[in-house]
Amino acid sequence: MDSLAEALPDVARVVLPSAGHVPWVESPGSFGWAVLAHLAR
């Protein structure tokens, strides 16, 4: 993910330590806050 985040313009990388491949299921609260924060930018 580091190389992808560096290659894309205007990217905000968010790490959810307790989530894996399905973050909206594995860590729905943190995922939701990350999405809302991005949309508010």
N, C-alpha and C. Protein backbone atom coordinates (compact mmCIF):
# COMPACT_ATOMS: atom_id res chain seq x y z
N MET A 1 0.80 -1.19 0.00
CA MET A 1 0.00 0.00 0.00
C MET A 1 0.85 1.26 0.00
N ASP A 2 2.05 1.18 0.54
CA ASP A 2 2.89 2.38 0.57
C ASP A 2 3.16 2.90 -0.83
N SER A 3 3.51 2.01 -1.76
CA SER A 3 3.81 2.46 -3.12
C SER A 3 2.57 3.01 -3.81
N LEU A 4 1.43 2.45 -3.54
CA LEU A 4 0.18 2.95 -4.14
C LEU A 4 -0.15 4.33 -3.58
N ALA A 5 -0.01 4.51 -2.29
CA ALA A 5 -0.28 5.81 -1.68
C ALA A 5 0.67 6.88 -2.20
N GLU A 6 1.92 6.50 -2.46
CA GLU A 6 2.89 7.46 -2.98
C GLU A 6 2.63 7.80 -4.44
N ALA A 7 2.07 6.87 -5.19
CA ALA A 7 1.87 7.07 -6.63
C ALA A 7 0.61 7.88 -6.96
N LEU A 8 -0.37 7.87 -6.07
CA LEU A 8 -1.63 8.55 -6.35
C LEU A 8 -1.62 9.97 -5.78
N PRO A 9 -2.17 10.92 -6.54
CA PRO A 9 -2.22 12.29 -6.04
C PRO A 9 -3.33 12.45 -5.00
N ASP A 10 -3.12 13.34 -4.05
CA ASP A 10 -4.13 13.70 -3.07
C ASP A 10 -4.71 12.50 -2.34
N VAL A 11 -3.82 11.68 -1.79
CA VAL A 11 -4.24 10.47 -1.09
C VAL A 11 -4.05 10.65 0.42
N ALA A 12 -4.99 10.19 1.17
CA ALA A 12 -4.86 10.13 2.62
C ALA A 12 -4.91 8.67 3.02
N ARG A 13 -3.80 8.15 3.47
CA ARG A 13 -3.74 6.75 3.87
C ARG A 13 -4.20 6.62 5.31
N VAL A 14 -5.11 5.70 5.54
CA VAL A 14 -5.63 5.46 6.88
C VAL A 14 -5.36 4.00 7.23
N VAL A 15 -4.77 3.76 8.38
CA VAL A 15 -4.49 2.40 8.84
C VAL A 15 -5.46 2.06 9.95
N LEU A 16 -6.19 0.98 9.75
CA LEU A 16 -7.11 0.46 10.77
C LEU A 16 -6.50 -0.84 11.30
N PRO A 17 -5.78 -0.78 12.42
CA PRO A 17 -5.03 -1.94 12.90
C PRO A 17 -5.86 -3.20 13.12
N SER A 18 -7.12 -3.04 13.48
CA SER A 18 -7.93 -4.21 13.78
C SER A 18 -8.71 -4.71 12.56
N ALA A 19 -8.42 -4.18 11.39
CA ALA A 19 -9.16 -4.57 10.18
C ALA A 19 -8.21 -5.21 9.17
N GLY A 20 -8.79 -6.05 8.33
CA GLY A 20 -8.03 -6.71 7.28
C GLY A 20 -8.58 -6.35 5.92
N HIS A 21 -9.04 -7.36 5.19
CA HIS A 21 -9.51 -7.17 3.82
C HIS A 21 -10.93 -6.64 3.73
N VAL A 22 -11.67 -6.67 4.82
CA VAL A 22 -13.06 -6.21 4.80
C VAL A 22 -13.25 -5.24 5.98
N PRO A 23 -12.65 -4.05 5.89
CA PRO A 23 -12.65 -3.15 7.04
C PRO A 23 -14.03 -2.67 7.46
N TRP A 24 -14.97 -2.56 6.53
CA TRP A 24 -16.32 -2.09 6.88
C TRP A 24 -17.06 -3.13 7.71
N VAL A 25 -16.61 -4.38 7.70
CA VAL A 25 -17.20 -5.44 8.53
C VAL A 25 -16.36 -5.65 9.79
N GLU A 26 -15.05 -5.66 9.64
CA GLU A 26 -14.15 -5.98 10.74
C GLU A 26 -13.96 -4.82 11.72
N SER A 27 -14.10 -3.60 11.25
CA SER A 27 -13.94 -2.42 12.10
C SER A 27 -14.86 -1.31 11.60
N PRO A 28 -16.18 -1.55 11.67
CA PRO A 28 -17.13 -0.62 11.05
C PRO A 28 -17.09 0.80 11.61
N GLY A 29 -16.88 0.95 12.90
CA GLY A 29 -16.84 2.30 13.47
C GLY A 29 -15.67 3.11 12.94
N SER A 30 -14.48 2.54 12.98
CA SER A 30 -13.30 3.23 12.49
C SER A 30 -13.39 3.48 10.99
N PHE A 31 -13.88 2.50 10.26
CA PHE A 31 -14.02 2.66 8.82
C PHE A 31 -15.00 3.79 8.50
N GLY A 32 -16.11 3.81 9.20
CA GLY A 32 -17.11 4.86 8.97
C GLY A 32 -16.55 6.24 9.24
N TRP A 33 -15.81 6.38 10.35
CA TRP A 33 -15.21 7.68 10.66
C TRP A 33 -14.18 8.09 9.61
N ALA A 34 -13.41 7.13 9.10
CA ALA A 34 -12.42 7.44 8.07
C ALA A 34 -13.11 7.92 6.79
N VAL A 35 -14.20 7.27 6.41
CA VAL A 35 -14.93 7.67 5.20
C VAL A 35 -15.55 9.05 5.40
N LEU A 36 -16.18 9.28 6.53
CA LEU A 36 -16.80 10.58 6.79
C LEU A 36 -15.76 11.70 6.82
N ALA A 37 -14.60 11.44 7.39
CA ALA A 37 -13.53 12.45 7.43
C ALA A 37 -13.06 12.77 6.02
N HIS A 38 -12.97 11.75 5.18
CA HIS A 38 -12.55 11.98 3.79
C HIS A 38 -13.60 12.79 3.04
N LEU A 39 -14.85 12.46 3.22
CA LEU A 39 -15.92 13.18 2.52
C LEU A 39 -16.04 14.63 2.98
N ALA A 40 -15.66 14.90 4.21
CA ALA A 40 -15.76 16.25 4.75
C ALA A 40 -14.63 17.16 4.26
N ARG A 41 -13.59 16.57 3.66
CA ARG A 41 -12.45 17.37 3.18
C ARG A 41 -12.86 18.28 2.06
